[in-house]
Amino acid sequence: MYSLAFEMTDYWFRPKQSGIGAGVPTNWKGWALFLAYVAAILAIPSGFVLAVGHEATVVERFIAFVVISVPFLYIAWRKTEGGWRWRRGDEDFDDQTER
């Protein structure tokens, strides 16, 4: 079960102008999420040494990358204004954001 606070229309990211996915963060929450994600990815090698006592194999690093990326992508998807869909450029982007 998820929180109703997650359903609020407080968007953290703008949609990309072309392609699919989230663009630049629009407030401090988006930037905090992005920086935490980058820090977690960069900490994978040293995290394995501290937690397990040996360097991670390529497979272990890949699994850690996926485990860190899935929640980040889910939150970015839910918190992107207009959602994620394929966009072809400026005209498509402008149509979606006009209210």
Protein backbone atom coordinates (compact mmCIF):
# COMPACT_ATOMS: atom_id res chain seq x y z
CA MET A 1 0.00 0.00 0.00
CA TYR A 2 1.35 3.43 -0.84
CA SER A 3 0.91 6.81 0.77
CA LEU A 4 -1.59 9.39 -0.44
CA ALA A 5 1.21 11.95 -0.21
CA PHE A 6 2.80 10.19 -3.19
CA GLU A 7 -0.31 10.94 -5.25
CA MET A 8 -0.09 14.71 -4.74
CA THR A 9 0.60 16.79 -7.85
CA ASP A 10 3.94 18.06 -6.56
CA TYR A 11 6.06 17.22 -9.61
CA TRP A 12 9.80 16.90 -9.20
CA PHE A 13 10.82 16.56 -12.87
CA ARG A 14 9.86 18.06 -16.22
CA PRO A 15 9.36 15.66 -19.11
CA LYS A 16 12.06 15.42 -21.76
CA GLN A 17 11.39 17.45 -24.91
CA SER A 18 12.21 14.51 -27.14
CA GLY A 19 12.34 10.84 -26.38
CA ILE A 20 10.91 9.23 -23.26
CA GLY A 21 11.62 9.79 -19.60
CA ALA A 22 12.25 12.51 -17.06
CA GLY A 23 14.17 15.65 -17.82
CA VAL A 24 15.76 18.17 -15.48
CA PRO A 25 14.61 18.26 -11.85
CA THR A 26 12.30 21.21 -11.14
CA ASN A 27 12.68 21.53 -7.36
CA TRP A 28 14.93 20.56 -4.49
CA LYS A 29 13.25 17.18 -4.03
CA GLY A 30 14.07 16.17 -7.59
CA TRP A 31 17.66 17.35 -7.23
CA ALA A 32 18.00 15.55 -3.88
CA LEU A 33 16.69 12.31 -5.41
CA PHE A 34 19.03 12.64 -8.40
CA LEU A 35 22.10 13.40 -6.26
CA ALA A 36 21.28 10.53 -3.87
CA TYR A 37 21.00 8.21 -6.87
CA VAL A 38 24.36 9.32 -8.28
CA ALA A 39 26.00 8.99 -4.84
CA ALA A 40 24.55 5.49 -4.40
CA ILE A 41 25.82 4.39 -7.82
CA LEU A 42 29.29 5.78 -7.10
CA ALA A 43 29.32 4.07 -3.68
CA ILE A 44 28.71 0.57 -5.04
CA PRO A 45 32.40 -0.48 -5.20
CA SER A 46 33.36 0.80 -1.75
CA GLY A 47 30.03 -0.34 -0.28
CA PHE A 48 30.79 -3.94 -1.17
CA VAL A 49 34.23 -3.75 0.44
CA LEU A 50 32.76 -2.30 3.63
CA ALA A 51 29.74 -4.61 3.81
CA VAL A 52 31.09 -7.92 2.54
CA GLY A 53 34.84 -7.54 2.89
CA HIS A 54 35.78 -8.14 -0.76
CA GLU A 55 35.49 -6.34 -4.04
CA ALA A 56 32.31 -6.96 -5.99
CA THR A 57 32.26 -9.01 -9.16
CA VAL A 58 30.78 -7.59 -12.34
CA VAL A 59 27.55 -9.51 -11.72
CA GLU A 60 27.28 -8.23 -8.15
CA ARG A 61 27.85 -4.65 -9.31
CA PHE A 62 25.21 -5.04 -12.00
CA ILE A 63 22.69 -6.41 -9.48
CA ALA A 64 23.45 -3.51 -7.12
CA PHE A 65 23.02 -1.06 -10.01
CA VAL A 66 19.59 -2.53 -10.86
CA VAL A 67 18.50 -2.58 -7.20
CA ILE A 68 19.41 1.12 -6.88
CA SER A 69 18.02 2.15 -10.29
CA VAL A 70 14.56 0.55 -10.13
CA PRO A 71 13.27 2.65 -7.19
CA PHE A 72 14.85 5.79 -8.65
CA LEU A 73 13.17 5.25 -12.02
CA TYR A 74 9.82 4.44 -10.39
CA ILE A 75 9.85 7.64 -8.33
CA ALA A 76 11.03 9.72 -11.31
CA TRP A 77 8.24 8.21 -13.43
CA ARG A 78 5.58 9.01 -10.82
CA LYS A 79 6.93 12.51 -10.18
CA THR A 80 7.35 13.68 -13.80
CA GLU A 81 4.85 16.29 -14.93
CA GLY A 82 2.74 14.79 -17.71
CA GLY A 83 4.16 11.30 -17.21
CA TRP A 84 6.52 9.39 -19.46
CA ARG A 85 5.60 8.98 -23.10
CA TRP A 86 7.39 9.37 -26.39
CA ARG A 87 7.82 13.01 -27.38
CA ARG A 88 8.98 14.19 -30.79
CA GLY A 89 10.16 17.69 -30.00
CA ASP A 90 9.07 21.22 -29.19
CA GLU A 91 5.57 21.12 -30.71
CA ASP A 92 4.65 17.90 -28.89
CA PHE A 93 6.20 19.20 -25.67
CA ASP A 94 4.25 22.48 -25.83
CA ASP A 95 0.95 20.68 -26.44
CA GLN A 96 1.42 18.55 -23.33
CA THR A 97 2.32 21.37 -20.91
CA GLU A 98 -0.33 23.93 -21.88
CA ARG A 99 -3.24 24.18 -19.47
